[in-house]
Amino acid sequence: MVVFGAATGLRPSELFGLEQHDVDRQAGVIYVRRAFANGRIKQTKTRLSTRAVPLQAKAVEALDRLPASVNPILFPNARGGRVDFRVFGRRHWRPAQVAAGIDPIRGLYDLRHTYATFALRAGVPVFAVSRFIGSSIAMIDRHYGHLARDSREHAVALMDALALERAVDAGWTLNGSRANALSNSDSGRPRRRNLRRGDARWTPKLVLVAPADNESS
């Protein structure tokens, strides 16, 4: 359950509210439809909270390790009921961290923070992370915005590369090569495409730019 929580970013109450039929292996998602808190089932926290979360490999592996059960609850407690937040923290979560030498002790919500952190570091767009964890983009930017610096730099590199490609295409079109290419199109002989190297100073790596024969710039 702990690994699954870190691999999906669910709130603890959503994790405890999951049922077997919420897992859709064919679609590769887990549906978040309810939450369990204070001893009762309730609606998810917000409208955004009702969602489908993609199952990465770690989450699927965690599900595969669950024992076969006819219990409709996906993660039941020892008695077959739903896990209580406070009881789990006191009897299992905290003692496990003490035994592992973790200091300071982390809260259950840190599993959710771990998911968001890893997703942003991996380059998952903020909009997608917002949908997956069921929170607003503003909240993600407020708490995790400092982690998006790499993605901003990556976005600038992509836009610079696109601008360079367009500039090369425009230069190729304006110098009359396109007109010459069209005038020679009836020769029937295959023409070798002219590959030119872009300026490496403006791209994250050296790229080959190939003008398209039948595209307008």
N, C-alpha and C. Protein backbone atom coordinates (compact mmCIF):
# COMPACT_ATOMS: atom_id res chain seq x y z
N MET A 1 0.81 -1.20 0.00
CA MET A 1 0.00 0.00 0.00
C MET A 1 0.86 1.26 0.00
N VAL A 2 1.94 1.26 0.76
CA VAL A 2 2.82 2.42 0.84
C VAL A 2 3.46 2.70 -0.52
N VAL A 3 3.98 1.65 -1.16
CA VAL A 3 4.60 1.82 -2.48
C VAL A 3 3.56 2.32 -3.49
N PHE A 4 2.36 1.76 -3.42
CA PHE A 4 1.30 2.17 -4.34
C PHE A 4 0.94 3.65 -4.12
N GLY A 5 0.92 4.08 -2.87
CA GLY A 5 0.62 5.47 -2.57
C GLY A 5 1.67 6.42 -3.14
N ALA A 6 2.95 6.04 -3.02
CA ALA A 6 4.01 6.88 -3.55
C ALA A 6 4.03 6.88 -5.08
N ALA A 7 3.52 5.81 -5.69
CA ALA A 7 3.54 5.68 -7.15
C ALA A 7 2.30 6.24 -7.82
N THR A 8 1.32 6.70 -7.03
CA THR A 8 0.09 7.26 -7.60
C THR A 8 -0.24 8.65 -7.10
N GLY A 9 0.31 9.04 -5.97
CA GLY A 9 0.06 10.38 -5.44
C GLY A 9 -1.30 10.58 -4.81
N LEU A 10 -1.96 9.49 -4.45
CA LEU A 10 -3.29 9.62 -3.83
C LEU A 10 -3.19 10.18 -2.42
N ARG A 11 -4.22 10.90 -2.00
CA ARG A 11 -4.31 11.29 -0.59
C ARG A 11 -4.53 10.04 0.24
N PRO A 12 -4.08 10.03 1.51
CA PRO A 12 -4.30 8.84 2.34
C PRO A 12 -5.76 8.42 2.40
N SER A 13 -6.67 9.37 2.51
CA SER A 13 -8.10 9.03 2.59
C SER A 13 -8.57 8.38 1.28
N GLU A 14 -8.02 8.80 0.15
CA GLU A 14 -8.37 8.20 -1.13
C GLU A 14 -7.78 6.80 -1.24
N LEU A 15 -6.58 6.63 -0.73
CA LEU A 15 -5.93 5.32 -0.73
C LEU A 15 -6.74 4.31 0.07
N PHE A 16 -7.22 4.73 1.24
CA PHE A 16 -8.00 3.85 2.10
C PHE A 16 -9.39 3.58 1.54
N GLY A 17 -9.86 4.44 0.64
CA GLY A 17 -11.19 4.28 0.08
C GLY A 17 -11.24 3.45 -1.19
N LEU A 18 -10.09 3.02 -1.69
CA LEU A 18 -10.06 2.27 -2.95
C LEU A 18 -10.71 0.90 -2.82
N GLU A 19 -11.30 0.46 -3.93
CA GLU A 19 -11.90 -0.87 -4.00
C GLU A 19 -11.36 -1.61 -5.22
N GLN A 20 -11.55 -2.91 -5.23
CA GLN A 20 -10.99 -3.74 -6.30
C GLN A 20 -11.41 -3.27 -7.68
N HIS A 21 -12.67 -2.89 -7.83
CA HIS A 21 -13.18 -2.54 -9.15
C HIS A 21 -12.70 -1.16 -9.62
N ASP A 22 -11.99 -0.43 -8.75
CA ASP A 22 -11.43 0.85 -9.17
C ASP A 22 -10.18 0.66 -10.05
N VAL A 23 -9.62 -0.53 -10.03
CA VAL A 23 -8.42 -0.83 -10.82
C VAL A 23 -8.84 -1.25 -12.22
N ASP A 24 -8.35 -0.55 -13.22
CA ASP A 24 -8.60 -0.91 -14.61
C ASP A 24 -7.24 -1.21 -15.26
N ARG A 25 -6.87 -2.46 -15.23
CA ARG A 25 -5.56 -2.84 -15.78
C ARG A 25 -5.50 -2.67 -17.29
N GLN A 26 -6.61 -2.89 -17.96
CA GLN A 26 -6.63 -2.76 -19.41
C GLN A 26 -6.36 -1.31 -19.84
N ALA A 27 -6.98 -0.38 -19.13
CA ALA A 27 -6.75 1.04 -19.42
C ALA A 27 -5.48 1.55 -18.75
N GLY A 28 -4.98 0.81 -17.77
CA GLY A 28 -3.77 1.21 -17.06
C GLY A 28 -3.98 2.37 -16.12
N VAL A 29 -5.15 2.40 -15.45
CA VAL A 29 -5.44 3.50 -14.53
C VAL A 29 -6.10 2.98 -13.26
N ILE A 30 -6.08 3.81 -12.23
CA ILE A 30 -6.84 3.58 -11.01
C ILE A 30 -7.84 4.73 -10.90
N TYR A 31 -9.10 4.41 -10.69
CA TYR A 31 -10.14 5.44 -10.60
C TYR A 31 -10.31 5.86 -9.14
N VAL A 32 -10.21 7.14 -8.89
CA VAL A 32 -10.41 7.69 -7.55
C VAL A 32 -11.83 8.24 -7.49
N ARG A 33 -12.69 7.55 -6.73
CA ARG A 33 -14.12 7.89 -6.70
C ARG A 33 -14.63 8.26 -5.31
N ARG A 34 -13.86 7.93 -4.27
CA ARG A 34 -14.35 8.13 -2.91
C ARG A 34 -13.15 8.27 -1.96
N ALA A 35 -13.44 8.62 -0.74
CA ALA A 35 -12.41 8.73 0.29
C ALA A 35 -12.95 8.13 1.58
N PHE A 36 -12.04 7.67 2.44
CA PHE A 36 -12.43 7.12 3.74
C PHE A 36 -11.69 7.89 4.83
N ALA A 37 -12.45 8.57 5.66
CA ALA A 37 -11.85 9.36 6.74
C ALA A 37 -12.83 9.46 7.90
N ASN A 38 -12.29 9.49 9.10
CA ASN A 38 -13.11 9.59 10.31
C ASN A 38 -14.15 8.49 10.40
N GLY A 39 -13.77 7.31 9.92
CA GLY A 39 -14.63 6.15 10.06
C GLY A 39 -15.77 6.04 9.07
N ARG A 40 -15.77 6.86 8.02
CA ARG A 40 -16.88 6.77 7.07
C ARG A 40 -16.41 7.07 5.65
N ILE A 41 -17.16 6.52 4.69
CA ILE A 41 -16.92 6.78 3.28
C ILE A 41 -17.55 8.13 2.92
N LYS A 42 -16.86 8.92 2.15
CA LYS A 42 -17.39 10.22 1.75
C LYS A 42 -16.93 10.54 0.33
N GLN A 43 -17.44 11.65 -0.18
CA GLN A 43 -17.04 12.10 -1.50
C GLN A 43 -15.58 12.56 -1.47
N THR A 44 -14.96 12.59 -2.65
CA THR A 44 -13.60 13.09 -2.72
C THR A 44 -13.56 14.57 -2.34
N LYS A 45 -12.36 15.05 -2.05
CA LYS A 45 -12.20 16.38 -1.47
C LYS A 45 -12.76 17.49 -2.35
N THR A 46 -12.48 17.46 -3.64
CA THR A 46 -12.95 18.51 -4.55
C THR A 46 -13.42 17.87 -5.85
N ARG A 47 -13.96 18.69 -6.74
CA ARG A 47 -14.40 18.19 -8.04
C ARG A 47 -13.23 17.60 -8.82
N LEU A 48 -12.06 18.21 -8.68
CA LEU A 48 -10.87 17.71 -9.38
C LEU A 48 -10.39 16.38 -8.83
N SER A 49 -10.80 16.07 -7.60
CA SER A 49 -10.29 14.87 -6.93
C SER A 49 -10.84 13.58 -7.54
N THR A 50 -12.02 13.63 -8.15
CA THR A 50 -12.55 12.44 -8.82
C THR A 50 -11.86 12.34 -10.17
N ARG A 51 -11.03 11.31 -10.34
CA ARG A 51 -10.13 11.30 -11.48
C ARG A 51 -9.63 9.89 -11.79
N ALA A 52 -8.92 9.77 -12.90
CA ALA A 52 -8.24 8.53 -13.28
C ALA A 52 -6.75 8.79 -13.24
N VAL A 53 -6.04 7.99 -12.46
CA VAL A 53 -4.59 8.16 -12.30
C VAL A 53 -3.87 7.05 -13.04
N PRO A 54 -2.93 7.38 -13.93
CA PRO A 54 -2.21 6.33 -14.66
C PRO A 54 -1.36 5.48 -13.73
N LEU A 55 -1.29 4.19 -14.04
CA LEU A 55 -0.52 3.25 -13.22
C LEU A 55 0.85 3.04 -13.83
N GLN A 56 1.87 3.58 -13.17
CA GLN A 56 3.23 3.31 -13.62
C GLN A 56 3.64 1.91 -13.17
N ALA A 57 4.78 1.44 -13.65
CA ALA A 57 5.21 0.06 -13.40
C ALA A 57 5.29 -0.26 -11.92
N LYS A 58 5.78 0.68 -11.10
CA LYS A 58 5.89 0.43 -9.66
C LYS A 58 4.53 0.20 -9.03
N ALA A 59 3.53 0.92 -9.48
CA ALA A 59 2.18 0.75 -8.94
C ALA A 59 1.62 -0.61 -9.32
N VAL A 60 1.84 -1.02 -10.56
CA VAL A 60 1.35 -2.33 -11.01
C VAL A 60 2.04 -3.45 -10.24
N GLU A 61 3.34 -3.31 -10.00
CA GLU A 61 4.07 -4.31 -9.23
C GLU A 61 3.52 -4.42 -7.82
N ALA A 62 3.17 -3.28 -7.23
CA ALA A 62 2.60 -3.30 -5.88
C ALA A 62 1.27 -4.04 -5.86
N LEU A 63 0.46 -3.85 -6.88
CA LEU A 63 -0.82 -4.56 -6.98
C LEU A 63 -0.60 -6.05 -7.17
N ASP A 64 0.40 -6.39 -7.95
CA ASP A 64 0.68 -7.81 -8.21
C ASP A 64 1.11 -8.55 -6.95
N ARG A 65 1.66 -7.83 -5.99
CA ARG A 65 2.12 -8.46 -4.75
C ARG A 65 1.00 -8.65 -3.72
N LEU A 66 -0.18 -8.10 -4.00
CA LEU A 66 -1.29 -8.27 -3.07
C LEU A 66 -1.80 -9.71 -3.12
N PRO A 67 -2.13 -10.29 -1.98
CA PRO A 67 -2.69 -11.66 -1.97
C PRO A 67 -4.07 -11.69 -2.59
N ALA A 68 -4.41 -12.79 -3.23
CA ALA A 68 -5.74 -12.93 -3.81
C ALA A 68 -6.79 -12.80 -2.71
N SER A 69 -7.86 -12.08 -2.98
CA SER A 69 -8.88 -11.83 -1.95
C SER A 69 -10.23 -11.56 -2.60
N VAL A 70 -11.29 -11.97 -1.90
CA VAL A 70 -12.65 -11.66 -2.36
C VAL A 70 -13.16 -10.39 -1.69
N ASN A 71 -12.35 -9.81 -0.83
CA ASN A 71 -12.72 -8.57 -0.15
C ASN A 71 -12.78 -7.44 -1.19
N PRO A 72 -13.87 -6.71 -1.26
CA PRO A 72 -13.96 -5.62 -2.24
C PRO A 72 -13.00 -4.47 -1.96
N ILE A 73 -12.53 -4.34 -0.72
CA ILE A 73 -11.59 -3.27 -0.36
C ILE A 73 -10.21 -3.62 -0.91
N LEU A 74 -9.59 -2.69 -1.60
CA LEU A 74 -8.30 -2.98 -2.21
C LEU A 74 -7.20 -3.16 -1.17
N PHE A 75 -7.17 -2.29 -0.15
CA PHE A 75 -6.17 -2.39 0.91
C PHE A 75 -6.88 -2.51 2.26
N PRO A 76 -7.36 -3.69 2.62
CA PRO A 76 -8.07 -3.85 3.90
C PRO A 76 -7.10 -3.95 5.07
N ASN A 77 -7.63 -3.70 6.27
CA ASN A 77 -6.80 -3.91 7.46
C ASN A 77 -6.83 -5.39 7.85
N ALA A 78 -6.21 -5.74 8.97
CA ALA A 78 -6.10 -7.15 9.37
C ALA A 78 -7.45 -7.80 9.60
N ARG A 79 -8.45 -7.02 9.92
CA ARG A 79 -9.80 -7.56 10.18
C ARG A 79 -10.70 -7.52 8.95
N GLY A 80 -10.17 -7.03 7.85
CA GLY A 80 -10.96 -7.00 6.62
C GLY A 80 -11.68 -5.69 6.38
N GLY A 81 -11.57 -4.77 7.33
CA GLY A 81 -12.23 -3.46 7.15
C GLY A 81 -11.28 -2.46 6.53
N ARG A 82 -11.68 -1.22 6.54
CA ARG A 82 -10.85 -0.17 5.95
C ARG A 82 -9.80 0.32 6.95
N VAL A 83 -8.67 0.72 6.40
CA VAL A 83 -7.57 1.21 7.22
C VAL A 83 -7.93 2.57 7.80
N ASP A 84 -7.70 2.73 9.10
CA ASP A 84 -7.92 4.01 9.77
C ASP A 84 -6.62 4.81 9.76
N PHE A 85 -6.71 6.07 9.38
CA PHE A 85 -5.54 6.93 9.22
C PHE A 85 -4.70 6.98 10.50
N ARG A 86 -5.33 7.28 11.61
CA ARG A 86 -4.58 7.45 12.86
C ARG A 86 -4.03 6.13 13.37
N VAL A 87 -4.82 5.08 13.29
CA VAL A 87 -4.36 3.77 13.77
C VAL A 87 -3.17 3.29 12.94
N PHE A 88 -3.26 3.44 11.63
CA PHE A 88 -2.16 3.01 10.76
C PHE A 88 -0.89 3.80 11.06
N GLY A 89 -1.04 5.10 11.26
CA GLY A 89 0.13 5.92 11.55
C GLY A 89 0.79 5.56 12.86
N ARG A 90 -0.03 5.29 13.87
CA ARG A 90 0.51 4.99 15.20
C ARG A 90 1.10 3.59 15.28
N ARG A 91 0.44 2.62 14.68
CA ARG A 91 0.86 1.21 14.83
C ARG A 91 1.84 0.74 13.76
N HIS A 92 1.82 1.37 12.60
CA HIS A 92 2.64 0.84 11.51
C HIS A 92 3.58 1.89 10.89
N TRP A 93 3.04 3.02 10.50
CA TRP A 93 3.82 4.00 9.76
C TRP A 93 4.97 4.58 10.59
N ARG A 94 4.67 5.06 11.76
CA ARG A 94 5.72 5.64 12.60
C ARG A 94 6.74 4.59 13.07
N PRO A 95 6.30 3.43 13.60
CA PRO A 95 7.28 2.43 14.03
C PRO A 95 8.21 1.96 12.91
N ALA A 96 7.68 1.86 11.68
CA ALA A 96 8.50 1.44 10.55
C ALA A 96 9.61 2.45 10.27
N GLN A 97 9.29 3.74 10.40
CA GLN A 97 10.31 4.76 10.16
C GLN A 97 11.36 4.79 11.28
N VAL A 98 10.90 4.59 12.49
CA VAL A 98 11.85 4.54 13.61
C VAL A 98 12.81 3.38 13.42
N ALA A 99 12.28 2.22 13.04
CA ALA A 99 13.12 1.05 12.82
C ALA A 99 14.11 1.26 11.68
N ALA A 100 13.71 2.06 10.68
CA ALA A 100 14.58 2.32 9.53
C ALA A 100 15.54 3.47 9.77
N GLY A 101 15.42 4.12 10.92
CA GLY A 101 16.32 5.22 11.26
C GLY A 101 16.01 6.51 10.53
N ILE A 102 14.77 6.71 10.11
CA ILE A 102 14.38 7.93 9.40
C ILE A 102 14.13 9.05 10.40
N ASP A 103 14.79 10.17 10.18
CA ASP A 103 14.66 11.31 11.07
C ASP A 103 14.82 12.59 10.24
N PRO A 104 13.85 13.48 10.27
CA PRO A 104 12.63 13.45 11.07
C PRO A 104 11.59 12.48 10.50
N ILE A 105 10.63 12.13 11.34
CA ILE A 105 9.55 11.24 10.92
C ILE A 105 8.68 11.94 9.87
N ARG A 106 8.39 11.20 8.83
CA ARG A 106 7.58 11.75 7.74
C ARG A 106 6.11 11.39 7.92
N GLY A 107 5.24 12.27 7.41
CA GLY A 107 3.81 12.01 7.45
C GLY A 107 3.36 11.21 6.25
N LEU A 108 2.16 10.66 6.31
CA LEU A 108 1.63 9.89 5.19
C LEU A 108 1.48 10.75 3.94
N TYR A 109 1.21 12.02 4.13
CA TYR A 109 1.05 12.91 2.98
C TYR A 109 2.35 13.08 2.20
N ASP A 110 3.48 12.73 2.81
CA ASP A 110 4.75 12.85 2.10
C ASP A 110 4.84 11.87 0.93
N LEU A 111 4.04 10.81 0.96
CA LEU A 111 3.99 9.91 -0.19
C LEU A 111 3.45 10.67 -1.40
N ARG A 112 2.46 11.50 -1.17
CA ARG A 112 1.87 12.32 -2.23
C ARG A 112 2.87 13.36 -2.74
N HIS A 113 3.59 13.98 -1.81
CA HIS A 113 4.60 14.96 -2.20
C HIS A 113 5.72 14.28 -3.01
N THR A 114 6.05 13.05 -2.64
CA THR A 114 7.07 12.31 -3.38
C THR A 114 6.64 12.11 -4.83
N TYR A 115 5.39 11.73 -5.02
CA TYR A 115 4.88 11.52 -6.38
C TYR A 115 4.97 12.80 -7.19
N ALA A 116 4.49 13.90 -6.65
CA ALA A 116 4.50 15.16 -7.37
C ALA A 116 5.92 15.60 -7.70
N THR A 117 6.83 15.43 -6.74
CA THR A 117 8.22 15.81 -6.94
C THR A 117 8.85 15.00 -8.07
N PHE A 118 8.69 13.68 -8.03
CA PHE A 118 9.28 12.82 -9.06
C PHE A 118 8.67 13.11 -10.43
N ALA A 119 7.36 13.35 -10.47
CA ALA A 119 6.70 13.61 -11.75
C ALA A 119 7.23 14.89 -12.40
N LEU A 120 7.36 15.95 -11.61
CA LEU A 120 7.88 17.20 -12.15
C LEU A 120 9.34 17.07 -12.56
N ARG A 121 10.12 16.37 -11.76
CA ARG A 121 11.53 16.16 -12.09
C ARG A 121 11.69 15.33 -13.36
N ALA A 122 10.73 14.45 -13.61
CA ALA A 122 10.78 13.62 -14.81
C ALA A 122 10.33 14.38 -16.05
N GLY A 123 9.83 15.60 -15.86
CA GLY A 123 9.40 16.40 -17.00
C GLY A 123 7.93 16.29 -17.34
N VAL A 124 7.14 15.67 -16.46
CA VAL A 124 5.70 15.59 -16.69
C VAL A 124 5.13 17.01 -16.60
N PRO A 125 4.34 17.45 -17.59
CA PRO A 125 3.80 18.82 -17.55
C PRO A 125 2.99 19.09 -16.29
N VAL A 126 3.05 20.33 -15.82
CA VAL A 126 2.33 20.72 -14.61
C VAL A 126 0.83 20.45 -14.76
N PHE A 127 0.30 20.69 -15.96
CA PHE A 127 -1.13 20.45 -16.20
C PHE A 127 -1.47 18.98 -15.97
N ALA A 128 -0.62 18.08 -16.45
CA ALA A 128 -0.87 16.64 -16.27
C ALA A 128 -0.75 16.25 -14.81
N VAL A 129 0.26 16.77 -14.11
CA VAL A 129 0.42 16.47 -12.68
C VAL A 129 -0.81 16.95 -11.92
N SER A 130 -1.32 18.13 -12.28
CA SER A 130 -2.52 18.66 -11.64
C SER A 130 -3.70 17.69 -11.78
N ARG A 131 -3.88 17.15 -12.96
CA ARG A 131 -4.97 16.21 -13.19
C ARG A 131 -4.76 14.92 -12.41
N PHE A 132 -3.54 14.43 -12.38
CA PHE A 132 -3.26 13.14 -11.75
C PHE A 132 -3.41 13.18 -10.23
N ILE A 133 -3.01 14.28 -9.60
CA ILE A 133 -3.11 14.33 -8.14
C ILE A 133 -4.38 15.03 -7.67
N GLY A 134 -5.17 15.55 -8.62
CA GLY A 134 -6.44 16.15 -8.24
C GLY A 134 -6.32 17.47 -7.52
N SER A 135 -5.35 18.29 -7.92
CA SER A 135 -5.16 19.61 -7.30
C SER A 135 -5.04 20.67 -8.40
N SER A 136 -5.20 21.91 -8.02
CA SER A 136 -5.13 23.00 -8.99
C SER A 136 -3.69 23.26 -9.41
N ILE A 137 -3.54 23.84 -10.59
CA ILE A 137 -2.21 24.21 -11.08
C ILE A 137 -1.58 25.25 -10.15
N ALA A 138 -2.40 26.16 -9.62
CA ALA A 138 -1.89 27.18 -8.71
C ALA A 138 -1.28 26.55 -7.46
N MET A 139 -1.94 25.52 -6.93
CA MET A 139 -1.41 24.84 -5.74
C MET A 139 -0.08 24.17 -6.06
N ILE A 140 0.00 23.51 -7.21
CA ILE A 140 1.24 22.83 -7.58
C ILE A 140 2.36 23.84 -7.76
N ASP A 141 2.06 24.95 -8.41
CA ASP A 141 3.08 25.97 -8.62
C ASP A 141 3.55 26.55 -7.29
N ARG A 142 2.62 26.70 -6.35
CA ARG A 142 2.97 27.27 -5.04
C ARG A 142 3.89 26.34 -4.25
N HIS A 143 3.60 25.04 -4.30
CA HIS A 143 4.36 24.09 -3.48
C HIS A 143 5.54 23.46 -4.20
N TYR A 144 5.44 23.32 -5.52
CA TYR A 144 6.48 22.59 -6.26
C TYR A 144 7.07 23.39 -7.41
N GLY A 145 6.73 24.67 -7.50
CA GLY A 145 7.18 25.48 -8.63
C GLY A 145 8.69 25.50 -8.79
N HIS A 146 9.42 25.45 -7.67
CA HIS A 146 10.88 25.50 -7.74
C HIS A 146 11.46 24.27 -8.44
N LEU A 147 10.65 23.20 -8.53
CA LEU A 147 11.13 21.98 -9.19
C LEU A 147 10.93 22.04 -10.69
N ALA A 148 10.19 23.01 -11.17
CA ALA A 148 9.87 23.09 -12.59
C ALA A 148 10.92 23.87 -13.38
N ARG A 149 12.03 24.29 -12.73
CA ARG A 149 13.04 25.07 -13.44
C ARG A 149 13.61 24.29 -14.62
N ASP A 150 13.91 23.01 -14.42
CA ASP A 150 14.47 22.22 -15.50
C ASP A 150 13.51 22.14 -16.68
N SER A 151 12.21 21.98 -16.39
CA SER A 151 11.24 21.88 -17.47
C SER A 151 11.13 23.20 -18.23
N ARG A 152 11.29 24.33 -17.54
CA ARG A 152 11.26 25.62 -18.23
C ARG A 152 12.45 25.75 -19.17
N GLU A 153 13.62 25.33 -18.70
CA GLU A 153 14.81 25.38 -19.54
C GLU A 153 14.65 24.46 -20.75
N HIS A 154 14.04 23.31 -20.53
CA HIS A 154 13.79 22.38 -21.62
C HIS A 154 12.83 22.99 -22.63
N ALA A 155 11.80 23.68 -22.15
CA ALA A 155 10.83 24.32 -23.04
C ALA A 155 11.49 25.40 -23.89
N VAL A 156 12.37 26.20 -23.27
CA VAL A 156 13.08 27.24 -24.01
C VAL A 156 13.97 26.62 -25.08
N ALA A 157 14.64 25.53 -24.75
CA ALA A 157 15.50 24.85 -25.72
C ALA A 157 14.69 24.35 -26.91
N LEU A 158 13.51 23.80 -26.64
CA LEU A 158 12.65 23.31 -27.72
C LEU A 158 12.19 24.46 -28.61
N MET A 159 11.80 25.58 -28.00
CA MET A 159 11.33 26.72 -28.79
C MET A 159 12.46 27.34 -29.60
N ASP A 160 13.67 27.40 -29.03
CA ASP A 160 14.82 27.91 -29.77
C ASP A 160 15.12 27.02 -30.97
N ALA A 161 15.03 25.69 -30.76
CA ALA A 161 15.30 24.76 -31.85
C ALA A 161 14.27 24.92 -32.96
N LEU A 162 12.99 25.12 -32.58
CA LEU A 162 11.93 25.31 -33.57
C LEU A 162 12.14 26.61 -34.33
N ALA A 163 12.52 27.68 -33.61
CA ALA A 163 12.75 28.96 -34.27
C ALA A 163 13.88 28.86 -35.27
N LEU A 164 14.94 28.13 -34.92
CA LEU A 164 16.06 27.94 -35.83
C LEU A 164 15.63 27.18 -37.07
N GLU A 165 14.83 26.13 -36.86
CA GLU A 165 14.37 25.34 -38.00
C GLU A 165 13.53 26.19 -38.95
N ARG A 166 12.64 27.04 -38.38
CA ARG A 166 11.81 27.91 -39.21
C ARG A 166 12.68 28.92 -39.95
N ALA A 167 13.71 29.42 -39.28
CA ALA A 167 14.59 30.40 -39.92
C ALA A 167 15.33 29.77 -41.10
N VAL A 168 15.80 28.56 -40.93
CA VAL A 168 16.50 27.86 -42.01
C VAL A 168 15.55 27.59 -43.16
N ASP A 169 14.32 27.16 -42.84
CA ASP A 169 13.31 26.90 -43.87
C ASP A 169 13.00 28.18 -44.65
N ALA A 170 12.87 29.30 -43.93
CA ALA A 170 12.54 30.57 -44.57
C ALA A 170 13.67 31.00 -45.50
N GLY A 171 14.91 30.85 -45.07
CA GLY A 171 16.05 31.21 -45.90
C GLY A 171 16.11 30.37 -47.16
N TRP A 172 15.82 29.10 -47.02
CA TRP A 172 15.84 28.18 -48.17
C TRP A 172 14.75 28.54 -49.17
N THR A 173 13.59 28.98 -48.66
CA THR A 173 12.48 29.34 -49.54
C THR A 173 12.77 30.64 -50.29
N LEU A 174 13.34 31.63 -49.59
CA LEU A 174 13.54 32.94 -50.18
C LEU A 174 14.66 32.98 -51.21
N ASN A 175 15.62 32.06 -51.15
CA ASN A 175 16.76 32.15 -52.08
C ASN A 175 16.47 31.53 -53.44
N GLY A 176 15.21 31.16 -53.69
CA GLY A 176 14.85 30.67 -55.00
C GLY A 176 15.01 29.19 -55.19
N SER A 177 15.53 28.49 -54.18
CA SER A 177 15.74 27.05 -54.32
C SER A 177 14.42 26.33 -54.50
N ARG A 178 13.37 26.85 -53.88
CA ARG A 178 12.08 26.18 -54.01
C ARG A 178 11.58 26.27 -55.45
N ALA A 179 11.74 27.46 -56.06
CA ALA A 179 11.30 27.62 -57.44
C ALA A 179 12.08 26.71 -58.37
N ASN A 180 13.39 26.63 -58.13
CA ASN A 180 14.21 25.74 -58.95
C ASN A 180 13.80 24.29 -58.78
N ALA A 181 13.48 23.94 -57.54
CA ALA A 181 13.09 22.55 -57.28
C ALA A 181 11.81 22.21 -58.01
N LEU A 182 10.85 23.17 -58.06
CA LEU A 182 9.59 22.93 -58.74
C LEU A 182 9.77 22.84 -60.24
N SER A 183 10.67 23.68 -60.78
CA SER A 183 10.88 23.67 -62.22
C SER A 183 11.54 22.39 -62.69
N ASN A 184 12.28 21.75 -61.81
CA ASN A 184 12.97 20.51 -62.18
C ASN A 184 12.20 19.27 -61.78
N SER A 185 10.97 19.43 -61.31
CA SER A 185 10.23 18.29 -60.80
C SER A 185 9.79 17.34 -61.89
N ASP A 186 9.80 17.80 -63.18
CA ASP A 186 9.35 16.94 -64.27
C ASP A 186 10.46 16.05 -64.82
N SER A 187 11.66 16.21 -64.30
CA SER A 187 12.77 15.43 -64.84
C SER A 187 12.63 13.96 -64.57
N GLY A 188 11.87 13.60 -63.52
CA GLY A 188 11.66 12.19 -63.21
C GLY A 188 12.79 11.55 -62.43
N ARG A 189 13.89 12.28 -62.26
CA ARG A 189 15.00 11.73 -61.51
C ARG A 189 14.87 12.09 -60.03
N PRO A 190 15.11 11.14 -59.16
CA PRO A 190 15.02 11.45 -57.72
C PRO A 190 16.07 12.47 -57.32
N ARG A 191 15.68 13.44 -56.49
CA ARG A 191 16.61 14.46 -56.04
C ARG A 191 17.05 14.17 -54.62
N ARG A 192 18.29 14.42 -54.37
CA ARG A 192 18.83 14.22 -53.02
C ARG A 192 18.50 15.42 -52.16
N ARG A 193 17.93 15.17 -51.01
CA ARG A 193 17.54 16.27 -50.13
C ARG A 193 18.77 16.95 -49.57
N ASN A 194 18.70 18.27 -49.48
CA ASN A 194 19.82 19.07 -49.02
C ASN A 194 19.77 19.19 -47.50
N LEU A 195 20.67 18.51 -46.81
CA LEU A 195 20.71 18.56 -45.35
C LEU A 195 21.75 19.57 -44.92
N ARG A 196 21.35 20.48 -44.05
CA ARG A 196 22.29 21.48 -43.56
C ARG A 196 22.32 21.49 -42.05
N ARG A 197 23.48 21.78 -41.53
CA ARG A 197 23.63 21.79 -40.08
C ARG A 197 23.16 23.12 -39.51
N GLY A 198 22.40 23.05 -38.41
CA GLY A 198 21.96 24.26 -37.74
C GLY A 198 23.08 24.83 -36.89
N ASP A 199 22.90 26.03 -36.40
CA ASP A 199 23.86 26.68 -35.55
C ASP A 199 23.78 26.08 -34.16
N ALA A 200 24.85 25.40 -33.73
CA ALA A 200 24.83 24.70 -32.45
C ALA A 200 24.72 25.65 -31.28
N ARG A 201 25.04 26.93 -31.49
CA ARG A 201 24.95 27.89 -30.37
C ARG A 201 23.51 28.11 -29.95
N TRP A 202 22.56 27.87 -30.84
CA TRP A 202 21.17 28.16 -30.57
C TRP A 202 20.35 26.92 -30.30
N THR A 203 20.98 25.77 -30.24
CA THR A 203 20.26 24.53 -30.00
C THR A 203 20.94 23.77 -28.90
N PRO A 204 20.19 22.94 -28.14
CA PRO A 204 20.80 22.15 -27.06
C PRO A 204 21.78 21.13 -27.58
N LYS A 205 21.66 20.74 -28.83
CA LYS A 205 22.62 19.82 -29.44
C LYS A 205 22.62 20.06 -30.94
N LEU A 206 23.64 19.60 -31.63
CA LEU A 206 23.74 19.79 -33.06
C LEU A 206 22.63 19.02 -33.76
N VAL A 207 21.91 19.69 -34.65
CA VAL A 207 20.78 19.05 -35.31
C VAL A 207 20.93 19.15 -36.81
N LEU A 208 20.28 18.27 -37.54
CA LEU A 208 20.20 18.34 -38.99
C LEU A 208 18.84 18.87 -39.37
N VAL A 209 18.81 19.87 -40.21
CA VAL A 209 17.56 20.46 -40.64
C VAL A 209 17.33 20.10 -42.09
N ALA A 210 16.23 19.42 -42.40
CA ALA A 210 15.95 19.01 -43.76
C ALA A 210 14.76 19.78 -44.28
N PRO A 211 14.91 20.61 -45.31
CA PRO A 211 13.76 21.34 -45.86
C PRO A 211 12.78 20.36 -46.48
N ALA A 212 11.49 20.57 -46.24
CA ALA A 212 10.45 19.70 -46.81
C ALA A 212 10.15 20.13 -48.22
N ASP A 213 10.07 19.17 -49.14
CA ASP A 213 9.88 19.51 -50.56
C ASP A 213 8.52 20.09 -50.84
N ASN A 214 7.48 19.62 -50.15
CA ASN A 214 6.12 20.01 -50.48
C ASN A 214 5.42 20.78 -49.37
N GLU A 215 6.20 21.44 -48.48
CA GLU A 215 5.61 22.21 -47.40
C GLU A 215 5.89 23.68 -47.61
N SER A 216 4.92 24.49 -47.29
CA SER A 216 5.17 25.95 -47.29
C SER A 216 5.80 26.32 -45.99
N SER A 217 6.66 27.32 -45.96
CA SER A 217 7.38 27.68 -44.75
C SER A 217 6.49 28.40 -43.77
